[in-house]
PDB file of all heavy atoms in Angstrom:
ATOM      1  N   GLU A   1      24.863  -2.492  15.719  1.00  0.00           N
ATOM      2  CA  GLU A   1      24.463  -3.759  15.116  1.00  0.00           C
ATOM      3  C   GLU A   1      23.033  -4.071  15.537  1.00  0.00           C
ATOM      4  O   GLU A   1      22.673  -3.957  16.711  1.00  0.00           O
ATOM      5  CB  GLU A   1      25.390  -4.896  15.534  1.00  0.00           C
ATOM      6  CG  GLU A   1      25.058  -6.202  14.827  1.00  0.00           C
ATOM      7  CD  GLU A   1      26.069  -7.304  15.095  1.00  0.00           C
ATOM      8  OE1 GLU A   1      27.015  -7.070  15.870  1.00  0.00           O
ATOM      9  OE2 GLU A   1      25.905  -8.396  14.539  1.00  0.00           O
ATOM     10  N   LEU A   2      22.212  -4.454  14.558  1.00  0.00           N
ATOM     11  CA  LEU A   2      20.787  -4.640  14.800  1.00  0.00           C
ATOM     12  C   LEU A   2      20.335  -5.971  14.203  1.00  0.00           C
ATOM     13  O   LEU A   2      20.522  -6.216  13.011  1.00  0.00           O
ATOM     14  CB  LEU A   2      20.014  -3.491  14.144  1.00  0.00           C
ATOM     15  CG  LEU A   2      18.526  -3.365  14.428  1.00  0.00           C
ATOM     16  CD1 LEU A   2      18.298  -2.919  15.875  1.00  0.00           C
ATOM     17  CD2 LEU A   2      17.888  -2.368  13.462  1.00  0.00           C
ATOM     18  N   PRO A   3      19.739  -6.866  14.985  1.00  0.00           N
ATOM     19  CA  PRO A   3      19.216  -8.113  14.430  1.00  0.00           C
ATOM     20  C   PRO A   3      18.128  -7.823  13.398  1.00  0.00           C
ATOM     21  O   PRO A   3      17.354  -6.864  13.565  1.00  0.00           O
ATOM     22  CB  PRO A   3      18.630  -8.838  15.653  1.00  0.00           C
ATOM     23  CG  PRO A   3      19.219  -8.168  16.840  1.00  0.00           C
ATOM     24  CD  PRO A   3      19.504  -6.752  16.437  1.00  0.00           C
ATOM     25  N   VAL A   4      18.033  -8.652  12.361  1.00  0.00           N
ATOM     26  CA  VAL A   4      17.033  -8.393  11.318  1.00  0.00           C
ATOM     27  C   VAL A   4      15.614  -8.467  11.871  1.00  0.00           C
ATOM     28  O   VAL A   4      14.688  -7.869  11.305  1.00  0.00           O
ATOM     29  CB  VAL A   4      17.197  -9.353  10.121  1.00  0.00           C
ATOM     30  CG1 VAL A   4      18.511  -9.109   9.415  1.00  0.00           C
ATOM     31  CG2 VAL A   4      17.052 -10.800  10.549  1.00  0.00           C
ATOM     32  N   ALA A   5      15.427  -9.176  12.975  1.00  0.00           N
ATOM     33  CA  ALA A   5      14.102  -9.224  13.593  1.00  0.00           C
ATOM     34  C   ALA A   5      13.644  -7.853  14.050  1.00  0.00           C
ATOM     35  O   ALA A   5      12.443  -7.622  14.239  1.00  0.00           O
ATOM     36  CB  ALA A   5      14.111 -10.189  14.780  1.00  0.00           C
ATOM     37  N   ARG A   6      14.578  -6.900  14.213  1.00  0.00           N
ATOM     38  CA  ARG A   6      14.237  -5.568  14.701  1.00  0.00           C
ATOM     39  C   ARG A   6      14.415  -4.486  13.627  1.00  0.00           C
ATOM     40  O   ARG A   6      14.469  -3.295  13.937  1.00  0.00           O
ATOM     41  CB  ARG A   6      15.087  -5.238  15.935  1.00  0.00           C
ATOM     42  CG  ARG A   6      14.805  -6.144  17.133  1.00  0.00           C
ATOM     43  CD  ARG A   6      15.501  -5.638  18.382  1.00  0.00           C
ATOM     44  NE  ARG A   6      15.087  -4.266  18.674  1.00  0.00           N
ATOM     45  CZ  ARG A   6      15.945  -3.253  18.876  1.00  0.00           C
ATOM     46  NH1 ARG A   6      17.260  -3.452  18.790  1.00  0.00           N
ATOM     47  NH2 ARG A   6      15.499  -2.046  19.156  1.00  0.00           N
ATOM     48  N   LEU A   7      14.451  -4.900  12.374  1.00  0.00           N
ATOM     49  CA  LEU A   7      14.611  -3.921  11.298  1.00  0.00           C
ATOM     50  C   LEU A   7      13.510  -2.850  11.311  1.00  0.00           C
ATOM     51  O   LEU A   7      13.767  -1.670  11.072  1.00  0.00           O
ATOM     52  CB  LEU A   7      14.624  -4.618   9.936  1.00  0.00           C
ATOM     53  CG  LEU A   7      15.978  -5.034   9.370  1.00  0.00           C
ATOM     54  CD1 LEU A   7      15.782  -5.864   8.114  1.00  0.00           C
ATOM     55  CD2 LEU A   7      16.837  -3.814   9.082  1.00  0.00           C
ATOM     56  N   SER A   8      12.293  -3.271  11.602  1.00  0.00           N
ATOM     57  CA  SER A   8      11.186  -2.308  11.565  1.00  0.00           C
ATOM     58  C   SER A   8      11.303  -1.255  12.651  1.00  0.00           C
ATOM     59  O   SER A   8      10.640  -0.199  12.577  1.00  0.00           O
ATOM     60  CB  SER A   8       9.847  -3.033  11.693  1.00  0.00           C
ATOM     61  OG  SER A   8       9.756  -3.708  12.936  1.00  0.00           O
ATOM     62  N   SER A   9      12.147  -1.485  13.682  1.00  0.00           N
ATOM     63  CA  SER A   9      12.322  -0.482  14.736  1.00  0.00           C
ATOM     64  C   SER A   9      13.037   0.765  14.220  1.00  0.00           C
ATOM     65  O   SER A   9      13.004   1.820  14.860  1.00  0.00           O
ATOM     66  CB  SER A   9      13.102  -1.075  15.916  1.00  0.00           C
ATOM     67  OG  SER A   9      14.464  -1.317  15.568  1.00  0.00           O
ATOM     68  N   ILE A  10      13.681   0.656  13.061  1.00  0.00           N
ATOM     69  CA  ILE A  10      14.399   1.813  12.506  1.00  0.00           C
ATOM     70  C   ILE A  10      13.425   2.947  12.199  1.00  0.00           C
ATOM     71  O   ILE A  10      13.682   4.112  12.485  1.00  0.00           O
ATOM     72  CB  ILE A  10      15.194   1.404  11.248  1.00  0.00           C
ATOM     73  CG1 ILE A  10      16.296   0.399  11.629  1.00  0.00           C
ATOM     74  CG2 ILE A  10      15.792   2.625  10.560  1.00  0.00           C
ATOM     75  CD1 ILE A  10      17.029  -0.173  10.438  1.00  0.00           C
ATOM     76  N   HIS A  11      12.269   2.593  11.616  1.00  0.00           N
ATOM     77  CA  HIS A  11      11.249   3.607  11.315  1.00  0.00           C
ATOM     78  C   HIS A  11      10.206   3.706  12.421  1.00  0.00           C
ATOM     79  O   HIS A  11       9.635   4.776  12.629  1.00  0.00           O
ATOM     80  CB  HIS A  11      10.569   3.294   9.983  1.00  0.00           C
ATOM     81  CG  HIS A  11      11.383   3.651   8.790  1.00  0.00           C
ATOM     82  ND1 HIS A  11      10.924   4.465   7.785  1.00  0.00           N
ATOM     83  CD2 HIS A  11      12.646   3.303   8.423  1.00  0.00           C
ATOM     84  CE1 HIS A  11      11.865   4.607   6.859  1.00  0.00           C
ATOM     85  NE2 HIS A  11      12.908   3.910   7.222  1.00  0.00           N
ATOM     86  N   ASP A  12       9.924   2.581  13.074  1.00  0.00           N
ATOM     87  CA  ASP A  12       8.997   2.558  14.211  1.00  0.00           C
ATOM     88  C   ASP A  12       7.667   3.219  13.858  1.00  0.00           C
ATOM     89  O   ASP A  12       7.186   4.121  14.548  1.00  0.00           O
ATOM     90  CB  ASP A  12       9.634   3.242  15.432  1.00  0.00           C
ATOM     91  CG  ASP A  12       8.897   2.920  16.729  1.00  0.00           C
ATOM     92  OD1 ASP A  12       8.225   1.878  16.771  1.00  0.00           O
ATOM     93  OD2 ASP A  12       9.005   3.703  17.675  1.00  0.00           O
ATOM     94  N   GLU A  13       7.036   2.738  12.792  1.00  0.00           N
ATOM     95  CA  GLU A  13       5.796   3.350  12.332  1.00  0.00           C
ATOM     96  C   GLU A  13       4.605   2.896  13.184  1.00  0.00           C
ATOM     97  O   GLU A  13       4.604   1.797  13.728  1.00  0.00           O
ATOM     98  CB  GLU A  13       5.566   2.996  10.860  1.00  0.00           C
ATOM     99  CG  GLU A  13       6.625   3.596   9.952  1.00  0.00           C
ATOM    100  CD  GLU A  13       6.373   3.339   8.488  1.00  0.00           C
ATOM    101  OE1 GLU A  13       5.343   2.723   8.152  1.00  0.00           O
ATOM    102  OE2 GLU A  13       7.215   3.761   7.666  1.00  0.00           O
ATOM    103  N   PRO A  14       3.573   3.741  13.306  1.00  0.00           N
ATOM    104  CA  PRO A  14       2.411   3.382  14.130  1.00  0.00           C
ATOM    105  C   PRO A  14       1.636   2.213  13.540  1.00  0.00           C
ATOM    106  O   PRO A  14       1.564   2.061  12.317  1.00  0.00           O
ATOM    107  CB  PRO A  14       1.573   4.664  14.132  1.00  0.00           C
ATOM    108  CG  PRO A  14       1.995   5.400  12.902  1.00  0.00           C
ATOM    109  CD  PRO A  14       3.444   5.077  12.708  1.00  0.00           C
ATOM    110  N   SER A  15       1.042   1.413  14.426  1.00  0.00           N
ATOM    111  CA  SER A  15       0.280   0.249  13.975  1.00  0.00           C
ATOM    112  C   SER A  15      -1.227   0.436  14.127  1.00  0.00           C
ATOM    113  O   SER A  15      -2.008  -0.355  13.600  1.00  0.00           O
ATOM    114  CB  SER A  15       0.715  -0.998  14.744  1.00  0.00           C
ATOM    115  OG  SER A  15       0.523  -0.813  16.136  1.00  0.00           O
ATOM    116  N   VAL A  16      -1.650   1.471  14.852  1.00  0.00           N
ATOM    117  CA  VAL A  16      -3.086   1.703  15.038  1.00  0.00           C
ATOM    118  C   VAL A  16      -3.663   2.341  13.784  1.00  0.00           C
ATOM    119  O   VAL A  16      -2.960   3.043  13.046  1.00  0.00           O
ATOM    120  CB  VAL A  16      -3.339   2.601  16.261  1.00  0.00           C
ATOM    121  CG1 VAL A  16      -2.878   1.909  17.531  1.00  0.00           C
ATOM    122  CG2 VAL A  16      -2.633   3.952  16.117  1.00  0.00           C
ATOM    123  N   PRO A  17      -4.944   2.100  13.484  1.00  0.00           N
ATOM    124  CA  PRO A  17      -5.561   2.690  12.287  1.00  0.00           C
ATOM    125  C   PRO A  17      -5.465   4.208  12.278  1.00  0.00           C
ATOM    126  O   PRO A  17      -5.494   4.858  13.333  1.00  0.00           O
ATOM    127  CB  PRO A  17      -7.019   2.224  12.391  1.00  0.00           C
ATOM    128  CG  PRO A  17      -6.966   0.984  13.206  1.00  0.00           C
ATOM    129  CD  PRO A  17      -5.866   1.209  14.205  1.00  0.00           C
ATOM    130  N   VAL A  18      -5.332   4.770  11.078  1.00  0.00           N
ATOM    131  CA  VAL A  18      -5.170   6.214  10.926  1.00  0.00           C
ATOM    132  C   VAL A  18      -6.073   6.737   9.815  1.00  0.00           C
ATOM    133  O   VAL A  18      -6.577   5.981   8.980  1.00  0.00           O
ATOM    134  CB  VAL A  18      -3.707   6.584  10.590  1.00  0.00           C
ATOM    135  CG1 VAL A  18      -2.776   6.233  11.720  1.00  0.00           C
ATOM    136  CG2 VAL A  18      -3.265   5.906   9.283  1.00  0.00           C
ATOM    137  N   LEU A  19      -6.268   8.039   9.826  1.00  0.00           N
ATOM    138  CA  LEU A  19      -6.895   8.764   8.721  1.00  0.00           C
ATOM    139  C   LEU A  19      -5.772   9.619   8.161  1.00  0.00           C
ATOM    140  O   LEU A  19      -5.342  10.585   8.797  1.00  0.00           O
ATOM    141  CB  LEU A  19      -8.038   9.616   9.254  1.00  0.00           C
ATOM    142  CG  LEU A  19      -9.109  10.102   8.275  1.00  0.00           C
ATOM    143  CD1 LEU A  19      -9.860   8.923   7.684  1.00  0.00           C
ATOM    144  CD2 LEU A  19     -10.078  11.030   8.997  1.00  0.00           C
ATOM    145  N   PHE A  20      -5.274   9.274   6.966  1.00  0.00           N
ATOM    146  CA  PHE A  20      -3.978   9.802   6.542  1.00  0.00           C
ATOM    147  C   PHE A  20      -3.999  10.145   5.068  1.00  0.00           C
ATOM    148  O   PHE A  20      -4.375   9.327   4.219  1.00  0.00           O
ATOM    149  CB  PHE A  20      -2.914   8.733   6.803  1.00  0.00           C
ATOM    150  CG  PHE A  20      -1.508   9.262   6.893  1.00  0.00           C
ATOM    151  CD1 PHE A  20      -1.102  10.008   7.992  1.00  0.00           C
ATOM    152  CD2 PHE A  20      -0.592   9.011   5.890  1.00  0.00           C
ATOM    153  CE1 PHE A  20       0.200  10.489   8.089  1.00  0.00           C
ATOM    154  CE2 PHE A  20       0.709   9.484   5.971  1.00  0.00           C
ATOM    155  CZ  PHE A  20       1.107  10.223   7.080  1.00  0.00           C
ATOM    156  N   LYS A  21      -3.597  11.389   4.759  1.00  0.00           N
ATOM    157  CA  LYS A  21      -3.487  11.843   3.370  1.00  0.00           C
ATOM    158  C   LYS A  21      -2.017  11.881   2.990  1.00  0.00           C
ATOM    159  O   LYS A  21      -1.205  12.513   3.672  1.00  0.00           O
ATOM    160  CB  LYS A  21      -4.095  13.238   3.236  1.00  0.00           C
ATOM    161  CG  LYS A  21      -4.111  13.785   1.815  1.00  0.00           C
ATOM    162  CD  LYS A  21      -5.107  13.024   0.956  1.00  0.00           C
ATOM    163  CE  LYS A  21      -5.222  13.653  -0.437  1.00  0.00           C
ATOM    164  NZ  LYS A  21      -6.168  12.906  -1.292  1.00  0.00           N
ATOM    165  N   ALA A  22      -1.644  11.212   1.904  1.00  0.00           N
ATOM    166  CA  ALA A  22      -0.228  11.101   1.543  1.00  0.00           C
ATOM    167  C   ALA A  22      -0.028  11.319   0.052  1.00  0.00           C
ATOM    168  O   ALA A  22      -0.951  11.208  -0.760  1.00  0.00           O
ATOM    169  CB  ALA A  22       0.315   9.736   1.948  1.00  0.00           C
ATOM    170  N   ARG A  23       1.224  11.609  -0.282  1.00  0.00           N
ATOM    171  CA  ARG A  23       1.608  11.847  -1.676  1.00  0.00           C
ATOM    172  C   ARG A  23       3.096  11.571  -1.800  1.00  0.00           C
ATOM    173  O   ARG A  23       3.839  11.683  -0.829  1.00  0.00           O
ATOM    174  CB  ARG A  23       1.307  13.308  -2.045  1.00  0.00           C
ATOM    175  CG  ARG A  23       1.681  13.690  -3.469  1.00  0.00           C
ATOM    176  CD  ARG A  23       1.211  15.085  -3.792  1.00  0.00           C
ATOM    177  NE  ARG A  23       1.711  15.520  -5.098  1.00  0.00           N
ATOM    178  CZ  ARG A  23       1.413  16.689  -5.646  1.00  0.00           C
ATOM    179  NH1 ARG A  23       0.608  17.551  -5.015  1.00  0.00           N
ATOM    180  NH2 ARG A  23       1.908  17.015  -6.836  1.00  0.00           N
ATOM    181  N   ASN A  24       3.544  11.187  -3.006  1.00  0.00           N
ATOM    182  CA  ASN A  24       4.976  10.992  -3.215  1.00  0.00           C
ATOM    183  C   ASN A  24       5.388  11.488  -4.590  1.00  0.00           C
ATOM    184  O   ASN A  24       4.542  11.701  -5.468  1.00  0.00           O
ATOM    185  CB  ASN A  24       5.371   9.518  -3.026  1.00  0.00           C
ATOM    186  CG  ASN A  24       5.056   8.643  -4.232  1.00  0.00           C
ATOM    187  OD1 ASN A  24       5.791   8.637  -5.218  1.00  0.00           O
ATOM    188  ND2 ASN A  24       3.960   7.886  -4.160  1.00  0.00           N
ATOM    189  N   ALA A  25       6.692  11.673  -4.773  1.00  0.00           N
ATOM    190  CA  ALA A  25       7.249  12.071  -6.074  1.00  0.00           C
ATOM    191  C   ALA A  25       8.677  11.561  -6.164  1.00  0.00           C
ATOM    192  O   ALA A  25       9.410  11.549  -5.163  1.00  0.00           O
ATOM    193  CB  ALA A  25       7.218  13.579  -6.250  1.00  0.00           C
ATOM    194  N   LEU A  26       9.064  11.139  -7.344  1.00  0.00           N
ATOM    195  CA  LEU A  26      10.437  10.694  -7.596  1.00  0.00           C
ATOM    196  C   LEU A  26      11.284  11.879  -8.035  1.00  0.00           C
ATOM    197  O   LEU A  26      10.862  12.692  -8.862  1.00  0.00           O
ATOM    198  CB  LEU A  26      10.455   9.606  -8.670  1.00  0.00           C
ATOM    199  CG  LEU A  26       9.795   8.283  -8.279  1.00  0.00           C
ATOM    200  CD1 LEU A  26       9.722   7.338  -9.483  1.00  0.00           C
ATOM    201  CD2 LEU A  26      10.542   7.611  -7.135  1.00  0.00           C
ATOM    202  N   LEU A  27      12.483  11.948  -7.467  1.00  0.00           N
ATOM    203  CA  LEU A  27      13.371  13.079  -7.714  1.00  0.00           C
ATOM    204  C   LEU A  27      14.708  12.611  -8.276  1.00  0.00           C
ATOM    205  O   LEU A  27      15.139  11.488  -8.025  1.00  0.00           O
ATOM    206  CB  LEU A  27      13.623  13.844  -6.411  1.00  0.00           C
ATOM    207  CG  LEU A  27      12.393  14.296  -5.613  1.00  0.00           C
ATOM    208  CD1 LEU A  27      12.836  14.905  -4.283  1.00  0.00           C
ATOM    209  CD2 LEU A  27      11.553  15.283  -6.418  1.00  0.00           C
ATOM    210  N   GLY A  28      15.371  13.508  -8.985  1.00  0.00           N
ATOM    211  CA  GLY A  28      16.731  13.268  -9.459  1.00  0.00           C
ATOM    212  C   GLY A  28      17.734  13.745  -8.417  1.00  0.00           C
ATOM    213  O   GLY A  28      17.434  13.822  -7.224  1.00  0.00           O
TER     214      GLY A  28
END
């Protein structure tokens, strides 16, 4: 059980600035 205040801890993504190349695609 996780309080909604801590939802972002599930992914725990970095908060510092980054140089980042990304891409996405939708799949069936």
